[in-house]
């Protein structure tokens, strides 16, 4: 029989990531065949794994979705939160978002049940591009574009240099390789601008395209293959998504 580490086996069911599985195991909330599991335990496909009393060893195909998150939806798996992304999509299998996109923003976010791909993406954040289109409340100047491109002091750091270009008097596009909390909004605020619309168009090799708000589609085989290749080519980092 093939043995797999318990945290990996839990992640592969789509219940949570490996890191979250480790926390559940450490706190005694995971049982294997009715016995409280210990860290480092290895299991087989014939073992019954339960988390908080719920059996999670259901075999489900890996799901990878491109979702156009509408404004007002919160990127959380907490079903108690009104307007949470999981309840909104109402997918027939357990899925969760990779990373975040704040409530007032819209656009591309990945949804999956594969805890392994979450780890690969979140651990290899370096140089992974995310493209946004942004509208602000004042006329965009050359100085605004220059300063946004060269780095803005927010959250006790200075943002990395990035690509920024003007679309029209009140709209610009920006490509980031960072994922600081509410980064674009904070950068604009620092320069005296207020964001009135923020939409994520692309993550790495995958574009939102013409997908309408509230709709989703599956990754193509090529998209998934290319995304995994990009993860393998990147070194580990601890930036947010």
C-alpha atoms as a PDB file:
ATOM      1  CA  UNK A   1       0.000   0.000   0.000  1.00  0.00           C
ATOM      2  CA  UNK A   2       1.072   3.575  -0.627  1.00  0.00           C
ATOM      3  CA  UNK A   3       1.514   5.668   2.510  1.00  0.00           C
ATOM      4  CA  UNK A   4       0.910   9.432   2.652  1.00  0.00           C
ATOM      5  CA  UNK A   5       1.541  11.910   5.442  1.00  0.00           C
ATOM      6  CA  UNK A   6      -1.685  12.686   7.270  1.00  0.00           C
ATOM      7  CA  UNK A   7      -1.559  16.444   6.656  1.00  0.00           C
ATOM      8  CA  UNK A   8      -1.162  15.822   2.914  1.00  0.00           C
ATOM      9  CA  UNK A   9      -4.019  13.313   2.897  1.00  0.00           C
ATOM     10  CA  UNK A  10      -6.310  15.852   4.569  1.00  0.00           C
ATOM     11  CA  UNK A  11      -5.269  18.593   2.151  1.00  0.00           C
ATOM     12  CA  UNK A  12      -5.991  16.308  -0.805  1.00  0.00           C
ATOM     13  CA  UNK A  13      -9.597  15.908   0.347  1.00  0.00           C
ATOM     14  CA  UNK A  14     -10.050  19.677  -0.006  1.00  0.00           C
ATOM     15  CA  UNK A  15     -10.828  20.142   3.690  1.00  0.00           C
ATOM     16  CA  UNK A  16      -7.999  22.625   4.235  1.00  0.00           C
ATOM     17  CA  UNK A  17      -4.338  23.305   3.458  1.00  0.00           C
ATOM     18  CA  UNK A  18      -1.474  21.225   4.876  1.00  0.00           C
ATOM     19  CA  UNK A  19      -0.556  23.996   7.290  1.00  0.00           C
ATOM     20  CA  UNK A  20      -4.115  24.168   8.611  1.00  0.00           C
ATOM     21  CA  UNK A  21      -4.195  20.366   8.829  1.00  0.00           C
ATOM     22  CA  UNK A  22      -1.051  20.448  11.001  1.00  0.00           C
ATOM     23  CA  UNK A  23      -2.798  22.800  13.427  1.00  0.00           C
ATOM     24  CA  UNK A  24      -5.826  20.528  13.597  1.00  0.00           C
ATOM     25  CA  UNK A  25      -3.612  17.493  14.246  1.00  0.00           C
ATOM     26  CA  UNK A  26      -1.627  19.344  16.930  1.00  0.00           C
ATOM     27  CA  UNK A  27      -4.822  20.263  18.781  1.00  0.00           C
ATOM     28  CA  UNK A  28      -6.156  16.695  18.739  1.00  0.00           C
ATOM     29  CA  UNK A  29      -9.024  17.373  16.366  1.00  0.00           C
ATOM     30  CA  UNK A  30      -8.035  14.686  13.865  1.00  0.00           C
ATOM     31  CA  UNK A  31      -8.696  10.975  14.264  1.00  0.00           C
ATOM     32  CA  UNK A  32      -7.573   8.076  12.098  1.00  0.00           C
ATOM     33  CA  UNK A  33      -9.682   4.950  12.394  1.00  0.00           C
ATOM     34  CA  UNK A  34     -11.252   6.367  15.546  1.00  0.00           C
ATOM     35  CA  UNK A  35      -7.981   7.172  17.346  1.00  0.00           C
ATOM     36  CA  UNK A  36      -6.549  10.659  17.929  1.00  0.00           C
ATOM     37  CA  UNK A  37      -3.765  11.157  15.412  1.00  0.00           C
ATOM     38  CA  UNK A  38      -0.221  12.307  16.123  1.00  0.00           C
ATOM     39  CA  UNK A  39       1.959  14.620  14.031  1.00  0.00           C
ATOM     40  CA  UNK A  40       3.882  12.818  11.311  1.00  0.00           C
ATOM     41  CA  UNK A  41       1.461   9.898  11.064  1.00  0.00           C
ATOM     42  CA  UNK A  42       1.242   8.260   7.643  1.00  0.00           C
ATOM     43  CA  UNK A  43      -1.991   6.829   6.281  1.00  0.00           C
ATOM     44  CA  UNK A  44      -3.248   4.758   3.361  1.00  0.00           C
ATOM     45  CA  UNK A  45      -6.333   5.089   1.191  1.00  0.00           C
ATOM     46  CA  UNK A  46      -8.072   2.476   3.356  1.00  0.00           C
ATOM     47  CA  UNK A  47      -7.775   4.533   6.557  1.00  0.00           C
ATOM     48  CA  UNK A  48     -10.742   6.571   7.756  1.00  0.00           C
ATOM     49  CA  UNK A  49      -9.778  10.162   8.593  1.00  0.00           C
ATOM     50  CA  UNK A  50     -12.131  12.381  10.572  1.00  0.00           C
ATOM     51  CA  UNK A  51     -11.748  16.053  11.489  1.00  0.00           C
ATOM     52  CA  UNK A  52     -13.829  17.413  14.358  1.00  0.00           C
ATOM     53  CA  UNK A  53     -15.950  14.271  14.108  1.00  0.00           C
ATOM     54  CA  UNK A  54     -16.547  14.639  10.353  1.00  0.00           C
ATOM     55  CA  UNK A  55     -15.233  11.949   8.029  1.00  0.00           C
ATOM     56  CA  UNK A  56     -13.226  13.623   5.259  1.00  0.00           C
ATOM     57  CA  UNK A  57     -11.866  10.657   3.311  1.00  0.00           C
ATOM     58  CA  UNK A  58     -14.282  11.073   0.434  1.00  0.00           C
ATOM     59  CA  UNK A  59     -12.547  10.723  -2.905  1.00  0.00           C
ATOM     60  CA  UNK A  60     -13.250  13.801  -5.013  1.00  0.00           C
ATOM     61  CA  UNK A  61     -11.602  14.864  -8.253  1.00  0.00           C
ATOM     62  CA  UNK A  62      -9.375  17.936  -8.049  1.00  0.00           C
ATOM     63  CA  UNK A  63     -11.316  21.104  -8.836  1.00  0.00           C
ATOM     64  CA  UNK A  64      -9.707  24.280 -10.197  1.00  0.00           C
ATOM     65  CA  UNK A  65     -12.013  27.189 -10.965  1.00  0.00           C
ATOM     66  CA  UNK A  66     -11.571  30.679 -12.379  1.00  0.00           C
ATOM     67  CA  UNK A  67     -14.189  32.815 -10.598  1.00  0.00           C
ATOM     68  CA  UNK A  68     -15.205  36.425 -11.245  1.00  0.00           C
ATOM     69  CA  UNK A  69     -15.847  37.657  -7.712  1.00  0.00           C
ATOM     70  CA  UNK A  70     -18.465  40.407  -7.629  1.00  0.00           C
ATOM     71  CA  UNK A  71     -18.211  43.482  -5.433  1.00  0.00           C
ATOM     72  CA  UNK A  72     -19.636  42.794  -1.962  1.00  0.00           C
ATOM     73  CA  UNK A  73     -18.559  39.157  -1.677  1.00  0.00           C
ATOM     74  CA  UNK A  74     -16.095  38.276   1.094  1.00  0.00           C
ATOM     75  CA  UNK A  75     -13.232  35.827   0.431  1.00  0.00           C
ATOM     76  CA  UNK A  76     -13.753  33.617   3.472  1.00  0.00           C
ATOM     77  CA  UNK A  77     -14.761  30.015   4.043  1.00  0.00           C
ATOM     78  CA  UNK A  78     -16.562  31.015   7.238  1.00  0.00           C
ATOM     79  CA  UNK A  79     -20.174  30.265   6.397  1.00  0.00           C
ATOM     80  CA  UNK A  80     -21.342  32.497   9.248  1.00  0.00           C
ATOM     81  CA  UNK A  81     -20.152  35.554   7.321  1.00  0.00           C
ATOM     82  CA  UNK A  82     -22.949  37.016   5.218  1.00  0.00           C
ATOM     83  CA  UNK A  83     -21.961  37.102   1.550  1.00  0.00           C
ATOM     84  CA  UNK A  84     -19.103  34.606   1.960  1.00  0.00           C
ATOM     85  CA  UNK A  85     -17.622  33.355  -1.293  1.00  0.00           C
ATOM     86  CA  UNK A  86     -18.337  29.669  -0.644  1.00  0.00           C
ATOM     87  CA  UNK A  87     -22.062  30.133  -0.088  1.00  0.00           C
ATOM     88  CA  UNK A  88     -22.263  32.538  -3.025  1.00  0.00           C
ATOM     89  CA  UNK A  89     -20.821  30.040  -5.507  1.00  0.00           C
ATOM     90  CA  UNK A  90     -22.728  27.131  -3.905  1.00  0.00           C
ATOM     91  CA  UNK A  91     -20.524  24.588  -5.647  1.00  0.00           C
ATOM     92  CA  UNK A  92     -21.580  20.943  -5.078  1.00  0.00           C
ATOM     93  CA  UNK A  93     -18.166  20.021  -3.613  1.00  0.00           C
ATOM     94  CA  UNK A  94     -16.135  21.672  -0.879  1.00  0.00           C
ATOM     95  CA  UNK A  95     -13.908  24.389  -2.403  1.00  0.00           C
ATOM     96  CA  UNK A  96     -12.050  27.384  -1.041  1.00  0.00           C
ATOM     97  CA  UNK A  97     -10.336  30.500  -2.432  1.00  0.00           C
ATOM     98  CA  UNK A  98      -6.606  30.759  -3.043  1.00  0.00           C
ATOM     99  CA  UNK A  99      -5.566  34.069  -1.562  1.00  0.00           C
ATOM    100  CA  UNK A 100      -7.883  37.036  -1.245  1.00  0.00           C
ATOM    101  CA  UNK A 101      -9.599  39.904  -2.990  1.00  0.00           C
ATOM    102  CA  UNK A 102     -11.150  42.481  -0.681  1.00  0.00           C
ATOM    103  CA  UNK A 103     -14.925  42.952  -0.389  1.00  0.00           C
ATOM    104  CA  UNK A 104     -15.189  46.265  -2.333  1.00  0.00           C
ATOM    105  CA  UNK A 105     -13.120  44.820  -5.218  1.00  0.00           C
ATOM    106  CA  UNK A 106     -14.078  42.477  -8.024  1.00  0.00           C
ATOM    107  CA  UNK A 107     -12.358  40.237 -10.477  1.00  0.00           C
ATOM    108  CA  UNK A 108     -10.339  37.066 -10.791  1.00  0.00           C
ATOM    109  CA  UNK A 109      -9.822  34.670  -7.918  1.00  0.00           C
ATOM    110  CA  UNK A 110      -8.997  30.971  -7.979  1.00  0.00           C
ATOM    111  CA  UNK A 111     -11.217  28.423  -6.214  1.00  0.00           C
ATOM    112  CA  UNK A 112     -10.077  24.850  -5.564  1.00  0.00           C
ATOM    113  CA  UNK A 113     -10.327  21.781  -3.361  1.00  0.00           C
ATOM    114  CA  UNK A 114      -6.629  20.964  -3.789  1.00  0.00           C
ATOM    115  CA  UNK A 115      -4.657  21.946  -0.723  1.00  0.00           C
ATOM    116  CA  UNK A 116      -1.407  21.032  -2.471  1.00  0.00           C
ATOM    117  CA  UNK A 117      -1.805  23.626  -5.207  1.00  0.00           C
ATOM    118  CA  UNK A 118      -2.597  26.241  -2.555  1.00  0.00           C
ATOM    119  CA  UNK A 119       0.741  25.559  -0.908  1.00  0.00           C
ATOM    120  CA  UNK A 120       2.602  25.631  -4.213  1.00  0.00           C
ATOM    121  CA  UNK A 121       1.141  28.991  -5.194  1.00  0.00           C
ATOM    122  CA  UNK A 122       1.371  30.672  -1.798  1.00  0.00           C
ATOM    123  CA  UNK A 123       4.933  29.458  -1.207  1.00  0.00           C
ATOM    124  CA  UNK A 124       6.187  30.580  -4.603  1.00  0.00           C
ATOM    125  CA  UNK A 125       4.810  34.085  -4.700  1.00  0.00           C
ATOM    126  CA  UNK A 126       7.975  35.739  -5.938  1.00  0.00           C
ATOM    127  CA  UNK A 127       7.601  37.467  -9.308  1.00  0.00           C
ATOM    128  CA  UNK A 128       4.116  36.106  -9.909  1.00  0.00           C
ATOM    129  CA  UNK A 129       2.251  38.862 -11.677  1.00  0.00           C
ATOM    130  CA  UNK A 130      -1.264  40.027 -10.832  1.00  0.00           C
ATOM    131  CA  UNK A 131      -2.804  42.630 -13.119  1.00  0.00           C
ATOM    132  CA  UNK A 132      -5.522  45.094 -12.115  1.00  0.00           C
ATOM    133  CA  UNK A 133      -7.514  47.908 -13.663  1.00  0.00           C
ATOM    134  CA  UNK A 134      -8.242  50.739 -11.233  1.00  0.00           C
ATOM    135  CA  UNK A 135     -10.396  53.866 -11.352  1.00  0.00           C
ATOM    136  CA  UNK A 136      -9.728  56.797  -8.998  1.00  0.00           C
ATOM    137  CA  UNK A 137     -11.584  59.956  -8.013  1.00  0.00           C
ATOM    138  CA  UNK A 138      -9.081  62.493  -9.412  1.00  0.00           C
ATOM    139  CA  UNK A 139      -7.207  63.101 -12.621  1.00  0.00           C
ATOM    140  CA  UNK A 140      -4.153  60.884 -12.974  1.00  0.00           C
ATOM    141  CA  UNK A 141      -0.897  62.774 -13.407  1.00  0.00           C
ATOM    142  CA  UNK A 142       2.510  61.718 -14.666  1.00  0.00           C
ATOM    143  CA  UNK A 143       3.808  62.197 -11.131  1.00  0.00           C
ATOM    144  CA  UNK A 144       1.172  59.761  -9.818  1.00  0.00           C
ATOM    145  CA  UNK A 145       2.232  57.111 -12.334  1.00  0.00           C
ATOM    146  CA  UNK A 146       5.917  57.638 -11.558  1.00  0.00           C
ATOM    147  CA  UNK A 147       5.506  57.425  -7.798  1.00  0.00           C
ATOM    148  CA  UNK A 148       3.185  54.407  -7.938  1.00  0.00           C
ATOM    149  CA  UNK A 149       5.699  52.643 -10.182  1.00  0.00           C
ATOM    150  CA  UNK A 150       8.719  53.328  -7.970  1.00  0.00           C
ATOM    151  CA  UNK A 151       7.294  52.282  -4.603  1.00  0.00           C
ATOM    152  CA  UNK A 152       5.045  53.744  -1.901  1.00  0.00           C
ATOM    153  CA  UNK A 153       5.663  53.572   1.873  1.00  0.00           C
ATOM    154  CA  UNK A 154       2.767  51.610   3.413  1.00  0.00           C
ATOM    155  CA  UNK A 155       2.419  49.062   6.218  1.00  0.00           C
ATOM    156  CA  UNK A 156       5.938  49.720   7.570  1.00  0.00           C
ATOM    157  CA  UNK A 157       7.578  48.892   4.240  1.00  0.00           C
ATOM    158  CA  UNK A 158       8.003  50.308   0.756  1.00  0.00           C
ATOM    159  CA  UNK A 159       6.165  48.559  -2.047  1.00  0.00           C
ATOM    160  CA  UNK A 160       8.228  46.883  -4.741  1.00  0.00           C
ATOM    161  CA  UNK A 161       8.684  48.646  -8.045  1.00  0.00           C
ATOM    162  CA  UNK A 162       5.866  47.719 -10.395  1.00  0.00           C
ATOM    163  CA  UNK A 163       4.402  48.405 -13.838  1.00  0.00           C
ATOM    164  CA  UNK A 164       1.778  51.172 -13.952  1.00  0.00           C
ATOM    165  CA  UNK A 165       0.300  52.846 -17.019  1.00  0.00           C
ATOM    166  CA  UNK A 166      -2.502  55.300 -17.665  1.00  0.00           C
ATOM    167  CA  UNK A 167      -5.662  54.155 -19.460  1.00  0.00           C
ATOM    168  CA  UNK A 168      -7.537  57.466 -19.310  1.00  0.00           C
ATOM    169  CA  UNK A 169      -7.740  60.506 -17.017  1.00  0.00           C
ATOM    170  CA  UNK A 170      -9.186  58.522 -14.107  1.00  0.00           C
ATOM    171  CA  UNK A 171      -8.162  54.933 -14.879  1.00  0.00           C
ATOM    172  CA  UNK A 172      -4.861  53.069 -14.783  1.00  0.00           C
ATOM    173  CA  UNK A 173      -3.593  49.515 -14.956  1.00  0.00           C
ATOM    174  CA  UNK A 174      -1.060  48.070 -12.550  1.00  0.00           C
ATOM    175  CA  UNK A 175       0.887  44.801 -12.396  1.00  0.00           C
ATOM    176  CA  UNK A 176       2.024  43.732  -8.933  1.00  0.00           C
ATOM    177  CA  UNK A 177       4.276  40.950  -7.731  1.00  0.00           C
ATOM    178  CA  UNK A 178       3.314  41.591  -4.099  1.00  0.00           C
ATOM    179  CA  UNK A 179       0.158  40.952  -2.139  1.00  0.00           C
ATOM    180  CA  UNK A 180       0.137  43.362   0.783  1.00  0.00           C
ATOM    181  CA  UNK A 181      -3.201  43.923   2.504  1.00  0.00           C
ATOM    182  CA  UNK A 182      -5.315  46.333   0.419  1.00  0.00           C
ATOM    183  CA  UNK A 183      -2.083  47.318  -1.310  1.00  0.00           C
ATOM    184  CA  UNK A 184      -3.402  49.296  -4.276  1.00  0.00           C
ATOM    185  CA  UNK A 185      -5.957  51.190  -2.203  1.00  0.00           C
ATOM    186  CA  UNK A 186      -3.306  52.092   0.381  1.00  0.00           C
ATOM    187  CA  UNK A 187      -0.850  53.204  -2.312  1.00  0.00           C
ATOM    188  CA  UNK A 188      -3.464  55.478  -3.871  1.00  0.00           C
ATOM    189  CA  UNK A 189      -4.516  56.863  -0.481  1.00  0.00           C
ATOM    190  CA  UNK A 190      -0.911  57.775   0.284  1.00  0.00           C
ATOM    191  CA  UNK A 191      -0.884  59.961  -2.845  1.00  0.00           C
ATOM    192  CA  UNK A 192      -4.232  61.555  -2.003  1.00  0.00           C
ATOM    193  CA  UNK A 193      -6.393  59.476  -4.349  1.00  0.00           C
ATOM    194  CA  UNK A 194      -9.441  57.358  -3.561  1.00  0.00           C
ATOM    195  CA  UNK A 195     -10.119  54.138  -5.455  1.00  0.00           C
ATOM    196  CA  UNK A 196     -13.652  54.035  -6.870  1.00  0.00           C
ATOM    197  CA  UNK A 197     -13.267  50.756  -8.787  1.00  0.00           C
ATOM    198  CA  UNK A 198     -10.722  47.952  -8.564  1.00  0.00           C
ATOM    199  CA  UNK A 199     -10.825  44.835 -10.716  1.00  0.00           C
ATOM    200  CA  UNK A 200      -8.281  42.030 -10.948  1.00  0.00           C
ATOM    201  CA  UNK A 201      -7.810  40.946 -14.545  1.00  0.00           C
ATOM    202  CA  UNK A 202      -5.060  38.354 -14.360  1.00  0.00           C
ATOM    203  CA  UNK A 203      -3.154  36.086 -11.991  1.00  0.00           C
ATOM    204  CA  UNK A 204       0.078  34.718 -13.418  1.00  0.00           C
ATOM    205  CA  UNK A 205      -0.817  33.043 -16.752  1.00  0.00           C
ATOM    206  CA  UNK A 206      -4.608  33.042 -16.279  1.00  0.00           C
ATOM    207  CA  UNK A 207      -6.840  35.875 -17.488  1.00  0.00           C
ATOM    208  CA  UNK A 208     -10.349  36.797 -16.391  1.00  0.00           C
ATOM    209  CA  UNK A 209     -11.266  37.339 -20.022  1.00  0.00           C
ATOM    210  CA  UNK A 210     -14.964  37.905 -20.709  1.00  0.00           C
ATOM    211  CA  UNK A 211     -16.186  35.985 -17.654  1.00  0.00           C
ATOM    212  CA  UNK A 212     -19.110  37.875 -16.120  1.00  0.00           C
ATOM    213  CA  UNK A 213     -19.325  38.800 -12.398  1.00  0.00           C
ATOM    214  CA  UNK A 214     -20.619  35.876 -10.348  1.00  0.00           C
ATOM    215  CA  UNK A 215     -19.708  33.295 -12.991  1.00  0.00           C
ATOM    216  CA  UNK A 216     -16.978  30.659 -12.948  1.00  0.00           C
ATOM    217  CA  UNK A 217     -15.287  28.203 -15.290  1.00  0.00           C
ATOM    218  CA  UNK A 218     -12.788  25.386 -14.925  1.00  0.00           C
ATOM    219  CA  UNK A 219      -9.099  25.824 -15.676  1.00  0.00           C
ATOM    220  CA  UNK A 220      -8.078  24.485 -19.053  1.00  0.00           C
ATOM    221  CA  UNK A 221      -5.490  21.716 -18.996  1.00  0.00           C
ATOM    222  CA  UNK A 222      -2.944  24.102 -20.474  1.00  0.00           C
ATOM    223  CA  UNK A 223      -3.665  26.791 -17.860  1.00  0.00           C
ATOM    224  CA  UNK A 224      -3.162  24.312 -15.028  1.00  0.00           C
ATOM    225  CA  UNK A 225       0.007  22.879 -16.550  1.00  0.00           C
ATOM    226  CA  UNK A 226       1.517  26.317 -17.181  1.00  0.00           C
ATOM    227  CA  UNK A 227       0.582  27.575 -13.719  1.00  0.00           C
ATOM    228  CA  UNK A 228       2.255  24.589 -12.043  1.00  0.00           C
ATOM    229  CA  UNK A 229       5.352  25.149 -14.166  1.00  0.00           C
ATOM    230  CA  UNK A 230       5.490  28.779 -13.022  1.00  0.00           C
ATOM    231  CA  UNK A 231       5.278  27.630  -9.396  1.00  0.00           C
ATOM    232  CA  UNK A 232       8.117  25.172  -9.858  1.00  0.00           C
ATOM    233  CA  UNK A 233      10.306  27.874 -11.397  1.00  0.00           C
ATOM    234  CA  UNK A 234       9.859  30.307  -8.496  1.00  0.00           C
ATOM    235  CA  UNK A 235      11.740  30.341  -5.243  1.00  0.00           C
ATOM    236  CA  UNK A 236       9.931  30.280  -1.923  1.00  0.00           C
ATOM    237  CA  UNK A 237       8.790  33.518  -0.350  1.00  0.00           C
ATOM    238  CA  UNK A 238       6.391  34.661   2.340  1.00  0.00           C
ATOM    239  CA  UNK A 239       4.532  37.451   0.535  1.00  0.00           C
ATOM    240  CA  UNK A 240       0.742  37.416   0.742  1.00  0.00           C
ATOM    241  CA  UNK A 241      -1.466  36.730  -2.225  1.00  0.00           C
END
